[in-house]
Amino acid sequence: MLVTYLEASRDLCETDSILFGAVLTVCRIIGAKFPMAGRATQQSSAIPACRKRIEDRIAKARAFIGRLTSFRSGNNRPRVVRTVRMAFAGTNISLSQPDITQKLTERIDELKQKIAAWEKRIRRFSERSRRFNQNRLFQSDQKRLYKSLERPEVCGAGPGPDQADTVAFWRGLWSEPVNHSEGPLMEVVASQSASITPMDPVTITPEDVAEATTSALHEESIVQIAALAVPSTSSDVYESSSALKETEVKRTACNIEDQTSKKQCRKILENVCNLNKLPVSSEDDDPAKIERGVQVKIKSSEEEILEKKTKILKQKVARQTKTSLIATIKKYTAQSRPDSDG
C-alpha cells in the first residue's frame, strides 16, 4: 500500500507527507506515545472565571427563551415541554393553567431583562480591565501603549490621495455656486406675512431719552422716600434718619415738586401717611407740606432715639452701681470675718 503512494509521488514534499502519515498511522495502531517536539504548549484561557460563568448563564437563558417561544407558538414536543418545565422549576405554575400564555410571556421578558443586566456587567468589567491594562502598560512601556492605540484602518500607510483630485475637491466645494432650495419656503412665509401691517418708522430724539430718564429718576425718588419714611424698628429709625440726612430729602421733595403735579404730590403724601398711620387733610396738596411732614418725622424719630438712649444709659448706671455696691459689701464682709475669729 505504501509502495503505491510512493510511486505516485512527484516531488520530495509529497514523499515526506506520505512517510509522515504512514509513521503516524503505525504509532496509533500499536498505541505508541512519542513527544511532539514541534507543537507549542497549550496555553490556558485568558478569560476570567467570573466572565465565563456569566456567559454560560446568558447562553442558558437564551436557550430557555427559544424553547419557551417555541412552546408558546404551539410546539408540544417532549424535549420542548421538558425544557419549559425546567424554566418554571421552583414555582407553582403548571402547564395546564388557562393563563399559561401570559406566564410564558412574563418569563420570557424576565429572562431578557436578566440577559441585558448580565451583558451590561460584562461590558463594565471589560471596560475596567481595559483601563487597568492601559494604565499598567503606560507605566511600563509607553511606546507599546501608543502603538496599540493606533488604528491602521484609519491612519494606514497606503498611498495618499492624488494632489489634483484634492485641489479639484476643495475648488468644487468653495468656488462653484450653490443653488439653494429654500425658494418654496420663502414664498410660503411671504404669503403668510402679506396680511401683517408694516410698523411705522420710529425716530428717537434726545427729548424722548431725557423724558424716559426723568421718569425713571422720579420713580426711584418716590421709592426712596417711602422706604426711608417708614422705619420698622428702633435700629431702622436710626438708620432711616441718618440716611435721610445724607440723601437730603429736602432736595428730593423739591425735585418732585418740579416734576409732578399737585395730584401726584397728594398721592405720594397719602401713601406716606398711610404707611405711618398719619391723618391726611385736604390742605396738604402743597408739595411744601410733604417736606414739612418728612422733617417732622425726622424730629420725632430723633426724639425717640434720644429717649431710648437715655433710658439705656440709666439702666447701665443702675446696673454698675448695684454691682459696685455688692463688691464693696463682699470686701468689707471678708475683712470683718478674720477680726471676729481673732
C-alpha atoms as a PDB file:
ATOM      1  CA  MET A   1       0.000   0.000   0.000  1.00  0.00           C
ATOM      2  CA  LEU A   2       2.827   2.390   0.871  1.00  0.00           C
ATOM      3  CA  VAL A   3       4.662   1.473  -2.355  1.00  0.00           C
ATOM      4  CA  THR A   4       1.682   2.562  -4.428  1.00  0.00           C
ATOM      5  CA  TYR A   5       1.654   6.039  -2.863  1.00  0.00           C
ATOM      6  CA  LEU A   6       5.422   6.405  -3.115  1.00  0.00           C
ATOM      7  CA  GLU A   7       5.440   5.529  -6.817  1.00  0.00           C
ATOM      8  CA  ALA A   8       2.743   8.148  -7.426  1.00  0.00           C
ATOM      9  CA  SER A   9       4.773  10.811  -5.625  1.00  0.00           C
ATOM     10  CA  ARG A  10       6.045  13.568  -7.903  1.00  0.00           C
ATOM     11  CA  ASP A  11       8.316  15.579  -5.592  1.00  0.00           C
ATOM     12  CA  LEU A  12      10.064  15.456  -2.266  1.00  0.00           C
ATOM     13  CA  CYS A  13       7.292  17.289  -0.346  1.00  0.00           C
ATOM     14  CA  GLU A  14       4.676  14.678  -1.265  1.00  0.00           C
ATOM     15  CA  THR A  15       7.086  11.873  -0.307  1.00  0.00           C
ATOM     16  CA  ASP A  16       7.676  13.495   3.083  1.00  0.00           C
ATOM     17  CA  SER A  17       3.936  13.842   3.720  1.00  0.00           C
ATOM     18  CA  ILE A  18       3.328  10.183   2.774  1.00  0.00           C
ATOM     19  CA  LEU A  19       6.045   8.916   5.093  1.00  0.00           C
ATOM     20  CA  PHE A  20       4.828  11.101   7.970  1.00  0.00           C
ATOM     21  CA  GLY A  21       1.276   9.836   7.545  1.00  0.00           C
ATOM     22  CA  ALA A  22       2.458   6.225   7.481  1.00  0.00           C
ATOM     23  CA  VAL A  23       4.528   6.623  10.663  1.00  0.00           C
ATOM     24  CA  LEU A  24       1.644   8.361  12.470  1.00  0.00           C
ATOM     25  CA  THR A  25      -0.781   5.594  11.445  1.00  0.00           C
ATOM     26  CA  VAL A  26       1.519   2.842  12.676  1.00  0.00           C
ATOM     27  CA  CYS A  27       2.044   4.604  16.016  1.00  0.00           C
ATOM     28  CA  ARG A  28      -1.707   4.944  16.542  1.00  0.00           C
ATOM     29  CA  ILE A  29      -2.285   1.283  15.696  1.00  0.00           C
ATOM     30  CA  ILE A  30       0.338  -0.019  18.103  1.00  0.00           C
ATOM     31  CA  GLY A  31      -0.523   2.633  20.770  1.00  0.00           C
ATOM     32  CA  ALA A  32       2.930   4.167  20.895  1.00  0.00           C
ATOM     33  CA  LYS A  33       3.346   7.577  22.512  1.00  0.00           C
ATOM     34  CA  PHE A  34       6.051   9.965  21.401  1.00  0.00           C
ATOM     35  CA  PRO A  35       6.731  13.636  22.333  1.00  0.00           C
ATOM     36  CA  MET A  36       5.533  16.326  19.927  1.00  0.00           C
ATOM     37  CA  ALA A  37       8.630  18.487  19.890  1.00  0.00           C
ATOM     38  CA  GLY A  38       7.436  20.895  17.228  1.00  0.00           C
ATOM     39  CA  ARG A  39       3.998  21.574  18.778  1.00  0.00           C
ATOM     40  CA  ALA A  40       3.661  24.564  21.116  1.00  0.00           C
ATOM     41  CA  THR A  41       2.431  24.025  24.637  1.00  0.00           C
ATOM     42  CA  GLN A  42      -1.291  24.620  25.095  1.00  0.00           C
ATOM     43  CA  GLN A  43      -1.888  27.901  26.873  1.00  0.00           C
ATOM     44  CA  SER A  44      -4.581  28.373  29.467  1.00  0.00           C
ATOM     45  CA  SER A  45      -7.573  30.532  28.662  1.00  0.00           C
ATOM     46  CA  ALA A  46      -7.170  34.234  29.445  1.00  0.00           C
ATOM     47  CA  ILE A  47     -10.919  34.694  30.047  1.00  0.00           C
ATOM     48  CA  PRO A  48     -11.654  35.183  33.768  1.00  0.00           C
ATOM     49  CA  ALA A  49     -13.793  32.595  35.512  1.00  0.00           C
ATOM     50  CA  CYS A  50     -16.453  35.121  36.519  1.00  0.00           C
ATOM     51  CA  ARG A  51     -16.920  36.205  32.903  1.00  0.00           C
ATOM     52  CA  LYS A  52     -17.164  32.590  31.758  1.00  0.00           C
ATOM     53  CA  ARG A  53     -19.862  31.920  34.368  1.00  0.00           C
ATOM     54  CA  ILE A  54     -21.868  34.946  33.222  1.00  0.00           C
ATOM     55  CA  GLU A  55     -21.522  33.911  29.571  1.00  0.00           C
ATOM     56  CA  ASP A  56     -22.776  30.416  30.473  1.00  0.00           C
ATOM     57  CA  ARG A  57     -25.795  31.953  32.201  1.00  0.00           C
ATOM     58  CA  ILE A  58     -26.527  34.075  29.135  1.00  0.00           C
ATOM     59  CA  ALA A  59     -26.302  31.054  26.821  1.00  0.00           C
ATOM     60  CA  LYS A  60     -28.609  29.034  29.070  1.00  0.00           C
ATOM     61  CA  ALA A  61     -31.125  31.886  29.312  1.00  0.00           C
ATOM     62  CA  ARG A  62     -31.159  32.317  25.525  1.00  0.00           C
ATOM     63  CA  ALA A  63     -31.812  28.588  25.110  1.00  0.00           C
ATOM     64  CA  PHE A  64     -34.719  28.863  27.552  1.00  0.00           C
ATOM     65  CA  ILE A  65     -36.124  31.837  25.639  1.00  0.00           C
ATOM     66  CA  GLY A  66     -36.009  29.884  22.375  1.00  0.00           C
ATOM     67  CA  ARG A  67     -37.773  26.849  23.875  1.00  0.00           C
ATOM     68  CA  LEU A  68     -40.409  28.998  25.628  1.00  0.00           C
ATOM     69  CA  THR A  69     -41.131  30.901  22.420  1.00  0.00           C
ATOM     70  CA  SER A  70     -41.428  27.631  20.520  1.00  0.00           C
ATOM     71  CA  PHE A  71     -43.816  26.203  23.144  1.00  0.00           C
ATOM     72  CA  ARG A  72     -45.926  29.369  23.061  1.00  0.00           C
ATOM     73  CA  SER A  73     -46.285  29.064  19.289  1.00  0.00           C
ATOM     74  CA  GLY A  74     -47.688  25.506  19.671  1.00  0.00           C
ATOM     75  CA  ASN A  75     -44.685  23.161  19.666  1.00  0.00           C
ATOM     76  CA  ASN A  76     -45.516  20.389  22.197  1.00  0.00           C
ATOM     77  CA  ARG A  77     -42.587  18.060  21.590  1.00  0.00           C
ATOM     78  CA  PRO A  78     -41.365  16.223  24.716  1.00  0.00           C
ATOM     79  CA  ARG A  79     -37.957  17.882  24.647  1.00  0.00           C
ATOM     80  CA  VAL A  80     -39.538  21.351  24.450  1.00  0.00           C
ATOM     81  CA  VAL A  81     -42.039  20.557  27.208  1.00  0.00           C
ATOM     82  CA  ARG A  82     -39.237  19.260  29.433  1.00  0.00           C
ATOM     83  CA  THR A  83     -37.267  22.489  28.926  1.00  0.00           C
ATOM     84  CA  VAL A  84     -40.356  24.602  29.716  1.00  0.00           C
ATOM     85  CA  ARG A  85     -40.857  22.708  32.968  1.00  0.00           C
ATOM     86  CA  MET A  86     -37.206  23.329  33.842  1.00  0.00           C
ATOM     87  CA  ALA A  87     -37.734  27.056  33.180  1.00  0.00           C
ATOM     88  CA  PHE A  88     -40.673  27.129  35.634  1.00  0.00           C
ATOM     89  CA  ALA A  89     -38.941  24.959  38.245  1.00  0.00           C
ATOM     90  CA  GLY A  90     -39.430  26.222  41.793  1.00  0.00           C
ATOM     91  CA  THR A  91     -42.744  27.929  41.032  1.00  0.00           C
ATOM     92  CA  ASN A  92     -46.372  26.867  41.388  1.00  0.00           C
ATOM     93  CA  ILE A  93     -47.048  27.314  37.675  1.00  0.00           C
ATOM     94  CA  SER A  94     -48.488  24.350  35.797  1.00  0.00           C
ATOM     95  CA  LEU A  95     -48.520  23.962  32.016  1.00  0.00           C
ATOM     96  CA  SER A  96     -52.257  23.195  32.136  1.00  0.00           C
ATOM     97  CA  GLN A  97     -53.217  26.593  33.569  1.00  0.00           C
ATOM     98  CA  PRO A  98     -55.553  28.739  31.435  1.00  0.00           C
ATOM     99  CA  ASP A  99     -53.211  31.759  31.668  1.00  0.00           C
ATOM    100  CA  ILE A 100     -50.088  29.828  30.708  1.00  0.00           C
ATOM    101  CA  THR A 101     -49.560  32.099  27.673  1.00  0.00           C
ATOM    102  CA  GLN A 102     -49.316  35.158  29.906  1.00  0.00           C
ATOM    103  CA  LYS A 103     -46.964  33.330  32.267  1.00  0.00           C
ATOM    104  CA  LEU A 104     -44.766  32.342  29.321  1.00  0.00           C
ATOM    105  CA  THR A 105     -44.606  35.968  28.139  1.00  0.00           C
ATOM    106  CA  GLU A 106     -43.695  37.185  31.631  1.00  0.00           C
ATOM    107  CA  ARG A 107     -40.990  34.534  31.958  1.00  0.00           C
ATOM    108  CA  ILE A 108     -39.528  35.434  28.543  1.00  0.00           C
ATOM    109  CA  ASP A 109     -39.435  39.145  29.466  1.00  0.00           C
ATOM    110  CA  GLU A 110     -37.781  38.324  32.786  1.00  0.00           C
ATOM    111  CA  LEU A 111     -35.083  36.275  31.063  1.00  0.00           C
ATOM    112  CA  LYS A 112     -34.469  39.073  28.532  1.00  0.00           C
ATOM    113  CA  GLN A 113     -34.006  41.579  31.351  1.00  0.00           C
ATOM    114  CA  LYS A 114     -31.560  39.243  33.080  1.00  0.00           C
ATOM    115  CA  ILE A 115     -29.591  38.840  29.847  1.00  0.00           C
ATOM    116  CA  ALA A 116     -29.412  42.633  29.434  1.00  0.00           C
ATOM    117  CA  ALA A 117     -28.156  43.029  33.016  1.00  0.00           C
ATOM    118  CA  TRP A 118     -25.521  40.315  32.582  1.00  0.00           C
ATOM    119  CA  GLU A 119     -24.302  41.810  29.295  1.00  0.00           C
ATOM    120  CA  LYS A 120     -24.012  45.210  30.935  1.00  0.00           C
ATOM    121  CA  ARG A 121     -21.966  43.630  33.728  1.00  0.00           C
ATOM    122  CA  ILE A 122     -19.626  42.059  31.162  1.00  0.00           C
ATOM    123  CA  ARG A 123     -19.197  45.384  29.329  1.00  0.00           C
ATOM    124  CA  ARG A 124     -18.441  47.154  32.606  1.00  0.00           C
ATOM    125  CA  PHE A 125     -15.883  44.503  33.562  1.00  0.00           C
ATOM    126  CA  SER A 126     -14.251  44.654  30.104  1.00  0.00           C
ATOM    127  CA  GLU A 127     -14.004  48.444  30.240  1.00  0.00           C
ATOM    128  CA  ARG A 128     -12.468  48.317  33.695  1.00  0.00           C
ATOM    129  CA  SER A 129      -9.943  45.668  32.606  1.00  0.00           C
ATOM    130  CA  ARG A 130      -9.016  47.677  29.503  1.00  0.00           C
ATOM    131  CA  ARG A 131      -8.367  50.831  31.564  1.00  0.00           C
ATOM    132  CA  PHE A 132      -6.353  48.867  34.123  1.00  0.00           C
ATOM    133  CA  ASN A 133      -4.164  47.243  31.460  1.00  0.00           C
ATOM    134  CA  GLN A 134      -3.603  50.568  29.668  1.00  0.00           C
ATOM    135  CA  ASN A 135      -2.566  52.284  32.909  1.00  0.00           C
ATOM    136  CA  ARG A 136      -0.161  49.486  33.758  1.00  0.00           C
ATOM    137  CA  LEU A 137       1.261  49.497  30.218  1.00  0.00           C
ATOM    138  CA  PHE A 138       1.678  53.277  30.371  1.00  0.00           C
ATOM    139  CA  GLN A 139       3.843  52.892  33.464  1.00  0.00           C
ATOM    140  CA  SER A 140       5.978  50.132  31.954  1.00  0.00           C
ATOM    141  CA  ASP A 141       6.158  50.768  28.184  1.00  0.00           C
ATOM    142  CA  GLN A 142       4.589  53.942  26.797  1.00  0.00           C
ATOM    143  CA  LYS A 143       5.753  53.289  23.246  1.00  0.00           C
ATOM    144  CA  ARG A 144       3.949  49.968  23.174  1.00  0.00           C
ATOM    145  CA  LEU A 145       0.788  51.603  24.558  1.00  0.00           C
ATOM    146  CA  TYR A 146       0.726  54.300  21.883  1.00  0.00           C
ATOM    147  CA  LYS A 147       1.357  51.698  19.218  1.00  0.00           C
ATOM    148  CA  SER A 148      -1.584  49.636  20.481  1.00  0.00           C
ATOM    149  CA  LEU A 149      -3.829  52.714  20.322  1.00  0.00           C
ATOM    150  CA  GLU A 150      -3.137  53.232  16.621  1.00  0.00           C
ATOM    151  CA  ARG A 151      -5.852  52.217  14.184  1.00  0.00           C
ATOM    152  CA  PRO A 152      -4.327  51.040  10.903  1.00  0.00           C
ATOM    153  CA  GLU A 153      -7.676  51.092   9.096  1.00  0.00           C
ATOM    154  CA  VAL A 154      -7.969  54.831   9.804  1.00  0.00           C
ATOM    155  CA  CYS A 155      -4.376  56.034   9.520  1.00  0.00           C
ATOM    156  CA  GLY A 156      -2.991  53.472   7.125  1.00  0.00           C
ATOM    157  CA  ALA A 157       0.398  53.619   5.498  1.00  0.00           C
ATOM    158  CA  GLY A 158      -1.014  53.327   1.973  1.00  0.00           C
ATOM    159  CA  PRO A 159      -0.576  55.840  -0.825  1.00  0.00           C
ATOM    160  CA  GLY A 160      -2.093  59.263  -0.218  1.00  0.00           C
ATOM    161  CA  PRO A 161      -4.733  60.896  -2.408  1.00  0.00           C
ATOM    162  CA  ASP A 162      -3.821  62.439  -5.710  1.00  0.00           C
ATOM    163  CA  GLN A 163      -2.926  66.107  -5.446  1.00  0.00           C
ATOM    164  CA  ALA A 164      -5.016  67.041  -8.474  1.00  0.00           C
ATOM    165  CA  ASP A 165      -8.071  65.299  -7.007  1.00  0.00           C
ATOM    166  CA  THR A 166      -7.581  67.119  -3.702  1.00  0.00           C
ATOM    167  CA  VAL A 167      -7.370  70.520  -5.404  1.00  0.00           C
ATOM    168  CA  ALA A 168     -10.437  69.733  -7.517  1.00  0.00           C
ATOM    169  CA  PHE A 169     -12.412  68.652  -4.449  1.00  0.00           C
ATOM    170  CA  TRP A 170     -11.745  71.821  -2.443  1.00  0.00           C
ATOM    171  CA  ARG A 171     -12.177  74.027  -5.504  1.00  0.00           C
ATOM    172  CA  GLY A 172     -15.557  72.468  -6.169  1.00  0.00           C
ATOM    173  CA  LEU A 173     -16.511  72.863  -2.519  1.00  0.00           C
ATOM    174  CA  TRP A 174     -15.757  76.581  -2.243  1.00  0.00           C
ATOM    175  CA  SER A 175     -15.630  78.048  -5.755  1.00  0.00           C
ATOM    176  CA  GLU A 176     -18.728  76.724  -7.510  1.00  0.00           C
ATOM    177  CA  PRO A 177     -22.076  78.453  -6.889  1.00  0.00           C
ATOM    178  CA  VAL A 178     -24.732  76.505  -4.993  1.00  0.00           C
ATOM    179  CA  ASN A 179     -28.423  76.571  -5.891  1.00  0.00           C
ATOM    180  CA  HIS A 180     -30.378  76.705  -2.642  1.00  0.00           C
ATOM    181  CA  SER A 181     -33.768  75.037  -2.419  1.00  0.00           C
ATOM    182  CA  GLU A 182     -35.421  77.412   0.069  1.00  0.00           C
ATOM    183  CA  GLY A 183     -37.495  79.136  -2.627  1.00  0.00           C
ATOM    184  CA  PRO A 184     -40.864  77.445  -1.902  1.00  0.00           C
ATOM    185  CA  LEU A 185     -40.458  78.001   1.834  1.00  0.00           C
ATOM    186  CA  MET A 186     -39.752  81.701   1.342  1.00  0.00           C
ATOM    187  CA  GLU A 187     -42.863  82.016  -0.835  1.00  0.00           C
ATOM    188  CA  VAL A 188     -44.996  80.387   1.865  1.00  0.00           C
ATOM    189  CA  VAL A 189     -43.610  82.716   4.550  1.00  0.00           C
ATOM    190  CA  ALA A 190     -44.152  85.759   2.330  1.00  0.00           C
ATOM    191  CA  SER A 191     -47.783  84.777   1.656  1.00  0.00           C
ATOM    192  CA  GLN A 192     -48.429  84.273   5.376  1.00  0.00           C
ATOM    193  CA  SER A 193     -46.905  87.668   6.220  1.00  0.00           C
ATOM    194  CA  ALA A 194     -48.759  89.581   3.496  1.00  0.00           C
ATOM    195  CA  SER A 195     -51.669  90.496   5.815  1.00  0.00           C
ATOM    196  CA  ILE A 196     -49.392  91.980   8.503  1.00  0.00           C
ATOM    197  CA  THR A 197     -49.283  95.772   8.514  1.00  0.00           C
ATOM    198  CA  PRO A 198     -45.727  97.074   8.499  1.00  0.00           C
ATOM    199  CA  MET A 199     -44.684  99.107  11.544  1.00  0.00           C
ATOM    200  CA  ASP A 200     -44.183 102.836  11.148  1.00  0.00           C
ATOM    201  CA  PRO A 201     -40.585 104.013  11.386  1.00  0.00           C
ATOM    202  CA  VAL A 202     -39.660 105.129  14.907  1.00  0.00           C
ATOM    203  CA  THR A 203     -37.453 108.174  15.397  1.00  0.00           C
ATOM    204  CA  ILE A 204     -35.879 108.573  18.841  1.00  0.00           C
ATOM    205  CA  THR A 205     -35.000 112.152  19.733  1.00  0.00           C
ATOM    206  CA  PRO A 206     -32.886 113.491  22.616  1.00  0.00           C
ATOM    207  CA  GLU A 207     -36.108 114.802  24.218  1.00  0.00           C
ATOM    208  CA  ASP A 208     -37.523 111.251  24.346  1.00  0.00           C
ATOM    209  CA  VAL A 209     -34.378 109.983  26.041  1.00  0.00           C
ATOM    210  CA  ALA A 210     -34.456 112.855  28.572  1.00  0.00           C
ATOM    211  CA  GLU A 211     -38.135 112.217  29.368  1.00  0.00           C
ATOM    212  CA  ALA A 212     -37.591 108.488  29.892  1.00  0.00           C
ATOM    213  CA  THR A 213     -34.590 109.146  32.136  1.00  0.00           C
ATOM    214  CA  THR A 214     -36.508 111.764  34.169  1.00  0.00           C
ATOM    215  CA  SER A 215     -39.445 109.405  34.751  1.00  0.00           C
ATOM    216  CA  ALA A 216     -37.083 106.671  35.913  1.00  0.00           C
ATOM    217  CA  LEU A 217     -35.389 109.032  38.386  1.00  0.00           C
ATOM    218  CA  HIS A 218     -38.831 110.196  39.590  1.00  0.00           C
ATOM    219  CA  GLU A 219     -39.909 106.616  40.389  1.00  0.00           C
ATOM    220  CA  GLU A 220     -36.622 105.953  42.192  1.00  0.00           C
ATOM    221  CA  SER A 221     -37.080 109.112  44.331  1.00  0.00           C
ATOM    222  CA  ILE A 222     -40.611 108.043  45.343  1.00  0.00           C
ATOM    223  CA  VAL A 223     -39.358 104.612  46.387  1.00  0.00           C
ATOM    224  CA  GLN A 224     -36.551 106.182  48.442  1.00  0.00           C
ATOM    225  CA  ILE A 225     -38.965 108.497  50.328  1.00  0.00           C
ATOM    226  CA  ALA A 226     -41.451 105.674  51.014  1.00  0.00           C
ATOM    227  CA  ALA A 227     -38.684 103.367  52.253  1.00  0.00           C
ATOM    228  CA  LEU A 228     -36.939 105.965  54.414  1.00  0.00           C
ATOM    229  CA  ALA A 229     -40.099 107.489  55.918  1.00  0.00           C
ATOM    230  CA  VAL A 230     -41.419 104.174  57.298  1.00  0.00           C
ATOM    231  CA  PRO A 231     -38.974 102.676  59.839  1.00  0.00           C
ATOM    232  CA  SER A 232     -39.982  99.345  61.350  1.00  0.00           C
ATOM    233  CA  THR A 233     -37.730  99.046  64.439  1.00  0.00           C
ATOM    234  CA  SER A 234     -35.595 101.297  66.618  1.00  0.00           C
ATOM    235  CA  SER A 235     -32.456 100.412  64.654  1.00  0.00           C
ATOM    236  CA  ASP A 236     -34.291 101.179  61.423  1.00  0.00           C
ATOM    237  CA  VAL A 237     -35.302 104.578  62.907  1.00  0.00           C
ATOM    238  CA  TYR A 238     -31.677 105.496  63.441  1.00  0.00           C
ATOM    239  CA  GLU A 239     -30.630 104.214  60.010  1.00  0.00           C
ATOM    240  CA  SER A 240     -33.513 105.959  58.227  1.00  0.00           C
ATOM    241  CA  SER A 241     -32.856 109.290  59.952  1.00  0.00           C
ATOM    242  CA  SER A 242     -29.168 109.210  59.045  1.00  0.00           C
ATOM    243  CA  ALA A 243     -29.997 108.119  55.516  1.00  0.00           C
ATOM    244  CA  LEU A 244     -32.471 110.972  55.162  1.00  0.00           C
ATOM    245  CA  LYS A 245     -29.814 113.416  56.262  1.00  0.00           C
ATOM    246  CA  GLU A 246     -27.288 112.008  53.812  1.00  0.00           C
ATOM    247  CA  THR A 247     -29.621 111.936  50.796  1.00  0.00           C
ATOM    248  CA  GLU A 248     -31.108 115.390  51.515  1.00  0.00           C
ATOM    249  CA  VAL A 249     -34.822 114.722  51.424  1.00  0.00           C
ATOM    250  CA  LYS A 250     -35.492 118.419  51.001  1.00  0.00           C
ATOM    251  CA  ARG A 251     -33.845 118.427  47.576  1.00  0.00           C
ATOM    252  CA  THR A 252     -35.733 115.263  46.604  1.00  0.00           C
ATOM    253  CA  ALA A 253     -39.057 116.877  47.567  1.00  0.00           C
ATOM    254  CA  CYS A 254     -38.192 119.942  45.505  1.00  0.00           C
ATOM    255  CA  ASN A 255     -37.400 117.741  42.521  1.00  0.00           C
ATOM    256  CA  ILE A 256     -40.741 116.001  42.940  1.00  0.00           C
ATOM    257  CA  GLU A 257     -42.442 119.410  43.049  1.00  0.00           C
ATOM    258  CA  ASP A 258     -40.839 120.358  39.757  1.00  0.00           C
ATOM    259  CA  GLN A 259     -41.571 117.027  38.044  1.00  0.00           C
ATOM    260  CA  THR A 260     -45.102 116.150  39.231  1.00  0.00           C
ATOM    261  CA  SER A 261     -48.451 117.827  39.521  1.00  0.00           C
ATOM    262  CA  LYS A 262     -50.393 118.568  42.721  1.00  0.00           C
ATOM    263  CA  LYS A 263     -52.430 115.404  42.275  1.00  0.00           C
ATOM    264  CA  GLN A 264     -49.301 113.235  42.171  1.00  0.00           C
ATOM    265  CA  CYS A 265     -47.859 115.049  45.205  1.00  0.00           C
ATOM    266  CA  ARG A 266     -51.069 114.399  47.171  1.00  0.00           C
ATOM    267  CA  LYS A 267     -50.928 110.715  46.166  1.00  0.00           C
ATOM    268  CA  ILE A 268     -47.351 110.466  47.443  1.00  0.00           C
ATOM    269  CA  LEU A 269     -48.386 112.150  50.703  1.00  0.00           C
ATOM    270  CA  GLU A 270     -51.323 109.764  51.137  1.00  0.00           C
ATOM    271  CA  ASN A 271     -49.068 106.743  50.630  1.00  0.00           C
ATOM    272  CA  VAL A 272     -46.510 108.029  53.143  1.00  0.00           C
ATOM    273  CA  CYS A 273     -49.167 108.928  55.722  1.00  0.00           C
ATOM    274  CA  ASN A 274     -50.970 105.617  55.295  1.00  0.00           C
ATOM    275  CA  LEU A 275     -47.730 103.771  55.944  1.00  0.00           C
ATOM    276  CA  ASN A 276     -47.064 105.917  59.050  1.00  0.00           C
ATOM    277  CA  LYS A 277     -50.762 105.947  60.124  1.00  0.00           C
ATOM    278  CA  LEU A 278     -50.917 109.783  59.995  1.00  0.00           C
ATOM    279  CA  PRO A 279     -54.083 111.800  59.188  1.00  0.00           C
ATOM    280  CA  VAL A 280     -54.285 113.438  55.770  1.00  0.00           C
ATOM    281  CA  SER A 281     -56.157 116.719  55.344  1.00  0.00           C
ATOM    282  CA  SER A 282     -57.349 118.419  52.200  1.00  0.00           C
ATOM    283  CA  GLU A 283     -54.941 121.300  52.825  1.00  0.00           C
ATOM    284  CA  ASP A 284     -51.900 119.101  52.262  1.00  0.00           C
ATOM    285  CA  ASP A 285     -51.893 119.478  48.484  1.00  0.00           C
ATOM    286  CA  ASP A 286     -48.911 121.795  48.609  1.00  0.00           C
ATOM    287  CA  PRO A 287     -45.637 119.943  47.946  1.00  0.00           C
ATOM    288  CA  ALA A 288     -44.047 122.007  50.703  1.00  0.00           C
ATOM    289  CA  LYS A 289     -46.272 120.114  53.199  1.00  0.00           C
ATOM    290  CA  ILE A 290     -44.604 116.926  52.089  1.00  0.00           C
ATOM    291  CA  GLU A 291     -41.206 118.324  53.005  1.00  0.00           C
ATOM    292  CA  ARG A 292     -42.580 119.593  56.345  1.00  0.00           C
ATOM    293  CA  GLY A 293     -44.142 116.212  57.138  1.00  0.00           C
ATOM    294  CA  VAL A 294     -40.910 114.403  56.444  1.00  0.00           C
ATOM    295  CA  GLN A 295     -38.983 116.861  58.653  1.00  0.00           C
ATOM    296  CA  VAL A 296     -41.483 116.337  61.498  1.00  0.00           C
ATOM    297  CA  LYS A 297     -40.998 112.599  61.114  1.00  0.00           C
ATOM    298  CA  ILE A 298     -37.219 113.068  61.367  1.00  0.00           C
ATOM    299  CA  LYS A 299     -37.567 115.172  64.529  1.00  0.00           C
ATOM    300  CA  SER A 300     -39.889 112.653  66.176  1.00  0.00           C
ATOM    301  CA  SER A 301     -37.509 109.850  65.251  1.00  0.00           C
ATOM    302  CA  GLU A 302     -34.561 111.732  66.755  1.00  0.00           C
ATOM    303  CA  GLU A 303     -36.527 112.375  69.979  1.00  0.00           C
ATOM    304  CA  GLU A 304     -37.416 108.689  70.259  1.00  0.00           C
ATOM    305  CA  ILE A 305     -33.784 107.727  69.732  1.00  0.00           C
ATOM    306  CA  LEU A 306     -32.620 110.220  72.394  1.00  0.00           C
ATOM    307  CA  GLU A 307     -35.242 108.967  74.860  1.00  0.00           C
ATOM    308  CA  LYS A 308     -34.258 105.330  74.314  1.00  0.00           C
ATOM    309  CA  LYS A 309     -30.556 106.142  74.655  1.00  0.00           C
ATOM    310  CA  THR A 310     -31.241 107.969  77.948  1.00  0.00           C
ATOM    311  CA  LYS A 311     -33.233 105.017  79.260  1.00  0.00           C
ATOM    312  CA  ILE A 312     -30.492 102.563  78.315  1.00  0.00           C
ATOM    313  CA  LEU A 313     -27.850 104.792  79.954  1.00  0.00           C
ATOM    314  CA  LYS A 314     -29.863 104.972  83.199  1.00  0.00           C
ATOM    315  CA  GLN A 315     -30.218 101.198  83.258  1.00  0.00           C
ATOM    316  CA  LYS A 316     -26.481 100.761  82.692  1.00  0.00           C
ATOM    317  CA  VAL A 317     -25.614 103.227  85.505  1.00  0.00           C
ATOM    318  CA  ALA A 318     -28.019 101.484  87.876  1.00  0.00           C
ATOM    319  CA  ARG A 319     -26.549  98.084  86.974  1.00  0.00           C
ATOM    320  CA  GLN A 320     -22.975  99.321  87.508  1.00  0.00           C
ATOM    321  CA  THR A 321     -23.913 100.957  90.819  1.00  0.00           C
ATOM    322  CA  LYS A 322     -25.548  97.769  92.032  1.00  0.00           C
ATOM    323  CA  THR A 323     -22.509  95.708  91.011  1.00  0.00           C
ATOM    324  CA  SER A 324     -20.089  98.071  92.767  1.00  0.00           C
ATOM    325  CA  LEU A 325     -22.196  98.058  95.958  1.00  0.00           C
ATOM    326  CA  ILE A 326     -22.269  94.262  96.014  1.00  0.00           C
ATOM    327  CA  ALA A 327     -18.491  94.117  95.521  1.00  0.00           C
ATOM    328  CA  THR A 328     -17.929  96.635  98.364  1.00  0.00           C
ATOM    329  CA  ILE A 329     -20.185  94.694 100.743  1.00  0.00           C
ATOM    330  CA  LYS A 330     -18.356  91.445  99.942  1.00  0.00           C
ATOM    331  CA  LYS A 331     -14.995  93.137 100.509  1.00  0.00           C
ATOM    332  CA  TYR A 332     -15.932  94.510 103.951  1.00  0.00           C
ATOM    333  CA  THR A 333     -17.551  91.206 104.892  1.00  0.00           C
ATOM    334  CA  ALA A 334     -14.359  89.321 104.044  1.00  0.00           C
ATOM    335  CA  GLN A 335     -12.272  91.786 106.092  1.00  0.00           C
ATOM    336  CA  SER A 336     -14.559  91.609 109.126  1.00  0.00           C
ATOM    337  CA  ARG A 337     -14.561  87.797 109.354  1.00  0.00           C
ATOM    338  CA  PRO A 338     -10.882  87.371 110.365  1.00  0.00           C
ATOM    339  CA  ASP A 339     -11.304  90.076 113.060  1.00  0.00           C
ATOM    340  CA  SER A 340     -14.284  88.273 114.563  1.00  0.00           C
ATOM    341  CA  ASP A 341     -12.402  84.972 114.524  1.00  0.00           C
ATOM    342  CA  GLY A 342      -9.475  86.564 116.317  1.00  0.00           C
END
